[in-house]
Amino acid sequence: MTDLKFNVIDLVELQLIENAISARSAEIEKVKNNEELVSAEKEFTEVKEKFDKINGKYNDLDSNRKKLEDTVEMQNEKIKNDENKLFSGTITSAKELENYQIEVKILRQKISELEDQILEIMIEMEEMSEKVKLAKAEKDKAEANIKMIRNEMNEKLEVLKNIIEGLKKRRDDVILKIPDDYFKKYKEFKGKKGGIAVAVLKDNFCNVCNMQIPAIAAEKIEDVDEIYSCPICGRMAVIYRGEIDSIKKELES
């Protein structure tokens, strides 16, 4: 390849930029597949199930308590009505009076039994309330942990996306410097060579295939402004210069 009218480093920079874009894209996938989040979500599911179970039992007890209290209220209302009739003076039959008195007695007995049940339920609820609080605190903590991890993930993803956008803009600017025929060759090699079109030759070694250039071929590779072909892997190749390290460092920062 001869008669170059552009800086061969532009091809190397293009390759390095695309390598950086690929690396950042891989980081994005790694962030999305956050094992810590998976573990936190699993923990949250477990503690939530525990809380739902305890809280469900507590709510069932409370529901039973309210039903019993409603029944007691109805029984008290019935006693009140019966006693009003007993003391109204309108009932003259001794048998009817006796029946009302018996009914009031039975109702009071039922109320006493119901109140005992209510008391037992309230004692059980009191004992369980602490377990509910602890389970809820555990659930809330696990939920907060998930939120924190997701927030950190979103922040990292936002940073990486911005970096990639900047890299793509830089790539577009570099492509404008490269003649169409060389860019066409670059894309052709990139498609054939696993995404790596350009190699750097340093101390007679190719940085892509990591093979030493044969001595005969190495004798002909001496112009830093020339584009060669690696005799081992066949990629477009340029001779190493310190500027390449500066570009790498800049892209990695």
Protein backbone atom coordinates (compact mmCIF):
# COMPACT_ATOMS: atom_id res chain seq x y z
CA MET A 1 0.00 0.00 0.00
CA THR A 2 1.66 3.24 -1.12
CA ASP A 3 0.99 6.87 -2.00
CA LEU A 4 -0.67 7.59 1.34
CA LYS A 5 -2.38 10.96 1.68
CA PHE A 6 -3.43 10.66 5.32
CA ASN A 7 -1.94 9.87 8.71
CA VAL A 8 -1.83 6.09 9.14
CA ILE A 9 -2.40 6.63 12.85
CA ASP A 10 -5.98 7.56 11.94
CA LEU A 11 -6.62 3.92 11.03
CA VAL A 12 -5.11 2.76 14.31
CA GLU A 13 -7.15 5.34 16.21
CA LEU A 14 -10.32 4.17 14.44
CA GLN A 15 -9.55 0.59 15.50
CA LEU A 16 -8.82 1.66 19.07
CA ILE A 17 -12.02 3.69 19.24
CA GLU A 18 -14.09 0.74 18.04
CA ASN A 19 -12.30 -1.52 20.52
CA ALA A 20 -13.20 0.96 23.26
CA ILE A 21 -16.85 1.05 22.11
CA SER A 22 -16.98 -2.76 22.21
CA ALA A 23 -15.39 -2.80 25.66
CA ARG A 24 -17.84 -0.22 27.01
CA SER A 25 -20.77 -2.10 25.45
CA ALA A 26 -19.56 -5.26 27.20
CA GLU A 27 -19.43 -3.29 30.45
CA ILE A 28 -23.05 -2.25 29.92
CA GLU A 29 -24.10 -5.88 29.54
CA LYS A 30 -22.12 -6.78 32.66
CA VAL A 31 -23.82 -4.01 34.61
CA LYS A 32 -27.25 -5.15 33.38
CA ASN A 33 -26.49 -8.74 34.41
CA ASN A 34 -25.72 -7.65 37.95
CA GLU A 35 -25.32 -10.75 40.14
CA GLU A 36 -25.65 -8.60 43.25
CA LEU A 37 -29.09 -7.46 42.05
CA VAL A 38 -30.15 -11.03 41.32
CA SER A 39 -29.09 -12.04 44.84
CA ALA A 40 -30.83 -9.02 46.37
CA GLU A 41 -34.06 -9.74 44.47
CA LYS A 42 -33.96 -13.36 45.61
CA GLU A 43 -33.48 -12.24 49.21
CA PHE A 44 -36.34 -9.75 48.87
CA THR A 45 -38.66 -12.46 47.53
CA GLU A 46 -37.87 -14.67 50.51
CA VAL A 47 -38.34 -11.98 53.17
CA LYS A 48 -41.49 -10.69 51.46
CA GLU A 49 -43.00 -14.18 51.52
CA LYS A 50 -42.11 -14.40 55.21
CA PHE A 51 -43.70 -11.01 55.90
CA ASP A 52 -46.83 -11.80 53.85
CA LYS A 53 -47.30 -15.04 55.75
CA ILE A 54 -46.93 -13.46 59.21
CA ASN A 55 -48.89 -10.35 58.29
CA GLY A 56 -51.62 -12.48 56.70
CA LYS A 57 -52.03 -14.47 59.90
CA TYR A 58 -52.10 -11.24 61.92
CA ASN A 59 -54.78 -9.78 59.65
CA ASP A 60 -56.83 -12.97 59.89
CA LEU A 61 -56.74 -12.72 63.67
CA ASP A 62 -57.75 -9.07 63.52
CA SER A 63 -60.60 -9.91 61.16
CA ASN A 64 -61.85 -12.63 63.54
CA ARG A 65 -61.58 -10.20 66.46
CA LYS A 66 -63.74 -7.65 64.66
CA LYS A 67 -66.33 -10.28 63.76
CA LEU A 68 -66.51 -11.43 67.38
CA GLU A 69 -66.77 -7.84 68.59
CA ASP A 70 -69.60 -7.22 66.11
CA THR A 71 -71.35 -10.33 67.41
CA VAL A 72 -70.92 -9.12 71.02
CA GLU A 73 -72.36 -5.76 70.04
CA MET A 74 -75.37 -7.44 68.44
CA GLN A 75 -75.87 -9.64 71.51
CA ASN A 76 -75.67 -6.62 73.82
CA GLU A 77 -78.22 -4.84 71.68
CA LYS A 78 -80.52 -7.85 71.93
CA ILE A 79 -80.06 -7.94 75.72
CA LYS A 80 -80.91 -4.26 75.88
CA ASN A 81 -84.08 -4.82 73.89
CA ASP A 82 -85.06 -7.80 76.04
CA GLU A 83 -84.44 -5.87 79.26
CA ASN A 84 -86.49 -2.96 77.97
CA LYS A 85 -89.36 -5.33 77.43
CA LEU A 86 -88.83 -6.93 80.85
CA PHE A 87 -89.01 -3.60 82.66
CA SER A 88 -91.57 -1.95 80.39
CA GLY A 89 -94.51 -3.37 82.35
CA THR A 90 -96.21 -4.47 79.15
CA ILE A 91 -95.54 -8.18 79.67
CA THR A 92 -98.06 -9.73 82.04
CA SER A 93 -97.46 -13.40 81.33
CA ALA A 94 -95.17 -15.06 83.90
CA LYS A 95 -94.07 -17.61 81.31
CA GLU A 96 -93.12 -14.91 78.79
CA LEU A 97 -91.21 -13.01 81.49
CA GLU A 98 -89.32 -16.16 82.40
CA ASN A 99 -88.47 -16.81 78.74
CA TYR A 100 -87.00 -13.31 78.36
CA GLN A 101 -85.00 -13.73 81.57
CA ILE A 102 -83.62 -17.07 80.37
CA GLU A 103 -82.75 -15.58 76.99
CA VAL A 104 -80.91 -12.67 78.63
CA LYS A 105 -78.98 -15.10 80.81
CA ILE A 106 -77.99 -17.23 77.80
CA LEU A 107 -76.99 -14.14 75.86
CA ARG A 108 -74.79 -12.90 78.71
CA GLN A 109 -73.13 -16.29 78.89
CA LYS A 110 -72.45 -16.23 75.16
CA ILE A 111 -71.04 -12.72 75.44
CA SER A 112 -68.72 -13.85 78.22
CA GLU A 113 -67.47 -16.72 76.06
CA LEU A 114 -67.02 -14.41 73.08
CA GLU A 115 -65.12 -11.88 75.17
CA ASP A 116 -62.80 -14.65 76.37
CA GLN A 117 -62.14 -15.55 72.73
CA ILE A 118 -61.52 -11.90 71.88
CA LEU A 119 -59.06 -11.62 74.75
CA GLU A 120 -57.18 -14.71 73.59
CA ILE A 121 -56.99 -13.31 70.07
CA MET A 122 -55.75 -9.95 71.33
CA ILE A 123 -53.04 -11.64 73.37
CA GLU A 124 -51.96 -13.65 70.32
CA MET A 125 -52.02 -10.49 68.18
CA GLU A 126 -49.90 -8.65 70.70
CA GLU A 127 -47.32 -11.43 70.65
CA MET A 128 -47.38 -11.54 66.85
CA SER A 129 -47.23 -7.76 66.34
CA GLU A 130 -43.50 -7.71 67.17
CA LYS A 131 -42.86 -10.46 64.62
CA VAL A 132 -44.81 -8.46 62.03
CA LYS A 133 -42.70 -5.35 62.76
CA LEU A 134 -39.45 -7.28 62.48
CA ALA A 135 -40.55 -8.99 59.25
CA LYS A 136 -41.63 -5.65 57.78
CA ALA A 137 -38.33 -4.03 58.74
CA GLU A 138 -36.49 -6.91 57.08
CA LYS A 139 -38.64 -6.57 53.95
CA ASP A 140 -38.17 -2.79 53.80
CA LYS A 141 -34.41 -3.18 54.20
CA ALA A 142 -34.24 -5.72 51.37
CA GLU A 143 -36.40 -3.48 49.18
CA ALA A 144 -34.20 -0.45 49.93
CA ASN A 145 -31.12 -2.50 49.03
CA ILE A 146 -32.62 -3.36 45.64
CA LYS A 147 -33.44 0.30 45.04
CA MET A 148 -29.88 1.32 45.94
CA ILE A 149 -28.35 -1.29 43.61
CA ARG A 150 -30.66 -0.26 40.76
CA ASN A 151 -29.84 3.41 41.28
CA GLU A 152 -26.12 2.62 41.16
CA MET A 153 -26.69 0.52 38.04
CA ASN A 154 -28.61 3.32 36.33
CA GLU A 155 -25.86 5.81 37.18
CA LYS A 156 -23.18 3.49 35.77
CA LEU A 157 -25.26 2.81 32.65
CA GLU A 158 -25.80 6.52 32.10
CA VAL A 159 -22.05 7.19 32.38
CA LEU A 160 -21.21 4.33 30.00
CA LYS A 161 -23.84 5.41 27.46
CA ASN A 162 -22.47 8.95 27.50
CA ILE A 163 -18.94 7.62 27.01
CA ILE A 164 -20.09 5.51 24.06
CA GLU A 165 -21.87 8.48 22.51
CA GLY A 166 -18.64 10.48 22.81
CA LEU A 167 -16.64 7.64 21.29
CA LYS A 168 -19.06 7.34 18.37
CA LYS A 169 -18.75 11.07 17.70
CA ARG A 170 -14.96 10.76 17.77
CA ARG A 171 -15.15 7.74 15.47
CA ASP A 172 -17.22 9.71 12.95
CA ASP A 173 -14.66 12.53 13.04
CA VAL A 174 -11.77 10.09 12.44
CA ILE A 175 -13.58 8.34 9.59
CA LEU A 176 -13.82 11.68 7.79
CA LYS A 177 -10.00 11.82 7.74
CA ILE A 178 -9.64 8.38 6.11
CA PRO A 179 -9.88 8.07 2.30
CA ASP A 180 -12.83 5.98 1.10
CA ASP A 181 -10.68 3.21 -0.41
CA TYR A 182 -8.78 2.68 2.86
CA PHE A 183 -11.96 2.82 4.93
CA LYS A 184 -13.51 0.28 2.59
CA LYS A 185 -10.50 -2.02 3.14
CA TYR A 186 -10.77 -1.42 6.88
CA LYS A 187 -14.43 -2.52 6.93
CA GLU A 188 -13.62 -5.52 4.74
CA PHE A 189 -10.83 -6.72 7.06
CA LYS A 190 -12.93 -5.99 10.11
CA GLY A 191 -15.69 -8.28 8.80
CA LYS A 192 -13.25 -11.06 7.96
CA LYS A 193 -10.93 -10.80 10.96
CA GLY A 194 -13.27 -10.92 13.95
CA GLY A 195 -13.73 -7.17 14.24
CA ILE A 196 -9.99 -6.35 14.31
CA ALA A 197 -8.80 -4.89 11.01
CA VAL A 198 -5.63 -3.07 12.05
CA ALA A 199 -2.59 -4.50 13.82
CA VAL A 200 0.41 -2.72 15.31
CA LEU A 201 3.90 -4.11 14.69
CA LYS A 202 6.34 -3.61 17.55
CA ASP A 203 9.77 -5.26 17.86
CA ASN A 204 8.79 -7.43 14.88
CA PHE A 205 5.74 -8.79 16.74
CA CYS A 206 2.10 -8.36 15.70
CA ASN A 207 0.00 -7.17 18.66
CA VAL A 208 -3.08 -9.04 17.37
CA CYS A 209 -1.85 -12.51 16.42
CA ASN A 210 1.10 -12.23 18.86
CA MET A 211 3.41 -13.82 16.33
CA GLN A 212 6.92 -12.73 15.36
CA ILE A 213 7.30 -11.38 11.85
CA PRO A 214 9.74 -13.46 9.76
CA ALA A 215 13.11 -11.77 9.36
CA ILE A 216 12.82 -11.46 5.58
CA ALA A 217 9.45 -9.70 5.88
CA ALA A 218 10.64 -7.58 8.81
CA GLU A 219 13.47 -6.13 6.70
CA LYS A 220 10.90 -4.55 4.41
CA ILE A 221 8.85 -3.05 7.25
CA GLU A 222 10.56 0.18 8.20
CA ASP A 223 8.42 3.19 7.21
CA VAL A 224 6.19 4.42 10.08
CA ASP A 225 4.01 6.26 7.57
CA GLU A 226 3.29 3.16 5.52
CA ILE A 227 0.46 0.64 5.85
CA TYR A 228 1.66 -2.95 5.59
CA SER A 229 0.04 -6.34 5.80
CA CYS A 230 0.91 -8.67 8.68
CA PRO A 231 2.47 -11.71 6.99
CA ILE A 232 1.01 -13.93 9.71
CA CYS A 233 -2.61 -12.84 10.22
CA GLY A 234 -3.02 -10.76 7.06
CA ARG A 235 -4.44 -7.70 8.78
CA MET A 236 -3.62 -4.13 7.85
CA ALA A 237 -0.57 -3.23 9.93
CA VAL A 238 1.38 -0.14 10.94
CA ILE A 239 4.67 0.26 12.80
CA TYR A 240 4.39 1.13 16.47
CA ARG A 241 4.98 4.70 17.61
CA GLY A 242 4.51 6.30 21.04
CA GLU A 243 1.53 8.26 19.81
CA ILE A 244 -0.48 5.03 19.83
CA ASP A 245 -0.02 4.61 23.58
CA SER A 246 -1.19 8.19 24.09
CA ILE A 247 -4.38 7.46 22.14
CA LYS A 248 -4.99 4.27 24.16
CA LYS A 249 -4.51 6.10 27.44
CA GLU A 250 -6.85 8.86 26.34
CA LEU A 251 -9.57 6.40 25.31
CA GLU A 252 -9.29 4.47 28.57
CA SER A 253 -9.56 7.55 30.78
